[in-house]
Amino acid sequence: MSRDQIIGLVLLLGSIIGIIIYAWFLFLWNPQIILQLTVFVIVGGVLTVLGWIGFTLATTPPPQPIEELTKEEPKAEEPKTEENKAESSEGKSQ
């Protein structure tokens, strides 16, 4: 078995055992307390994630603005011919 398959098997077995334990608590103990704890954990988890997102948004500096693209589109280069090469070398030397 590969490492990923072992992790998957552990997660599967842990989930099944967790369901059995939860059902045992729910049906053999006071179900109102178990349901209240379940809802408390779910609501607390959701609010913790929302608080973490809010904290991250509040403490992260804003991104740098993107410089506007130049309005001129870059010219497509013409194929180099002997005349173009001569003209471009003359323009550079002046």
Protein backbone atom coordinates (compact mmCIF):
# COMPACT_ATOMS: atom_id res chain seq x y z
CA MET A 1 0.00 0.00 0.00
CA SER A 2 1.18 3.47 -0.79
CA ARG A 3 1.34 6.26 1.77
CA ASP A 4 -1.72 8.01 0.28
CA GLN A 5 -3.77 4.82 0.51
CA ILE A 6 -2.80 4.37 4.16
CA ILE A 7 -3.81 7.95 4.95
CA GLY A 8 -7.11 7.41 3.12
CA LEU A 9 -7.78 4.21 5.07
CA VAL A 10 -7.02 5.93 8.39
CA LEU A 11 -9.39 8.78 7.49
CA LEU A 12 -12.12 6.33 6.48
CA LEU A 13 -11.81 4.24 9.65
CA GLY A 14 -11.59 7.37 11.83
CA SER A 15 -14.77 8.72 10.27
CA ILE A 16 -16.64 5.46 10.80
CA ILE A 17 -15.48 5.25 14.44
CA GLY A 18 -16.44 8.91 14.95
CA ILE A 19 -19.95 8.29 13.62
CA ILE A 20 -20.37 5.27 15.92
CA ILE A 21 -19.18 7.23 18.97
CA TYR A 22 -21.40 10.20 18.09
CA ALA A 23 -24.43 7.93 17.67
CA TRP A 24 -23.65 6.21 20.97
CA PHE A 25 -23.47 9.57 22.77
CA LEU A 26 -26.60 10.83 21.02
CA PHE A 27 -28.80 7.84 21.83
CA LEU A 28 -27.44 6.71 25.20
CA TRP A 29 -26.84 10.08 26.82
CA ASN A 30 -28.99 13.18 26.97
CA PRO A 31 -29.50 14.00 23.26
CA GLN A 32 -30.22 17.68 23.94
CA ILE A 33 -26.75 18.27 25.39
CA ILE A 34 -25.06 16.38 22.54
CA LEU A 35 -26.98 18.35 19.90
CA GLN A 36 -26.21 21.63 21.67
CA LEU A 37 -22.50 20.76 21.72
CA THR A 38 -22.62 19.79 18.06
CA VAL A 39 -24.24 23.05 17.01
CA PHE A 40 -21.84 25.01 19.24
CA VAL A 41 -18.81 23.37 17.60
CA ILE A 42 -20.16 23.95 14.07
CA VAL A 43 -21.08 27.60 14.70
CA GLY A 44 -17.79 28.19 16.51
CA GLY A 45 -15.85 26.68 13.62
CA VAL A 46 -17.64 28.79 11.00
CA LEU A 47 -17.19 31.99 13.03
CA THR A 48 -13.51 31.17 13.60
CA VAL A 49 -12.95 30.80 9.85
CA LEU A 50 -14.80 34.07 9.18
CA GLY A 51 -12.75 35.83 11.87
CA TRP A 52 -9.55 34.47 10.36
CA ILE A 53 -10.55 35.74 6.91
CA GLY A 54 -11.43 39.15 8.38
CA PHE A 55 -8.13 39.35 10.26
CA THR A 56 -6.21 38.44 7.10
CA LEU A 57 -8.06 41.07 5.05
CA ALA A 58 -7.55 43.72 7.74
CA THR A 59 -3.81 43.12 8.20
CA THR A 60 -2.73 42.47 4.61
CA PRO A 61 -1.45 45.59 2.85
CA PRO A 62 -3.27 46.54 -0.36
CA PRO A 63 -1.62 45.42 -3.59
CA GLN A 64 0.46 47.85 -5.60
CA PRO A 65 -1.55 49.46 -8.43
CA ILE A 66 -0.87 48.08 -11.86
CA GLU A 67 0.72 50.66 -14.11
CA GLU A 68 -1.47 51.59 -17.00
CA LEU A 69 -0.51 49.99 -20.23
CA THR A 70 0.89 52.36 -22.79
CA LYS A 71 -1.76 53.54 -25.17
CA GLU A 72 0.35 52.77 -28.20
CA GLU A 73 0.30 49.21 -29.33
CA PRO A 74 3.77 47.86 -30.01
CA LYS A 75 4.46 47.70 -33.73
CA ALA A 76 4.81 44.33 -35.31
CA GLU A 77 8.39 44.06 -36.50
CA GLU A 78 8.84 44.00 -40.22
CA PRO A 79 10.93 41.20 -41.64
CA LYS A 80 14.56 42.22 -41.88
CA THR A 81 15.69 42.81 -45.42
CA GLU A 82 18.99 44.15 -46.61
CA GLU A 83 17.47 47.63 -47.07
CA ASN A 84 15.92 47.65 -43.58
CA LYS A 85 19.19 46.52 -42.03
CA ALA A 86 21.07 49.31 -43.78
CA GLU A 87 18.50 51.92 -42.72
CA SER A 88 18.47 50.78 -39.12
CA SER A 89 22.27 50.77 -38.88
CA GLU A 90 22.42 54.28 -40.39
CA GLY A 91 19.85 55.54 -37.89
CA LYS A 92 21.80 54.11 -34.97
CA SER A 93 25.08 55.64 -36.03
CA GLN A 94 23.67 59.18 -36.31
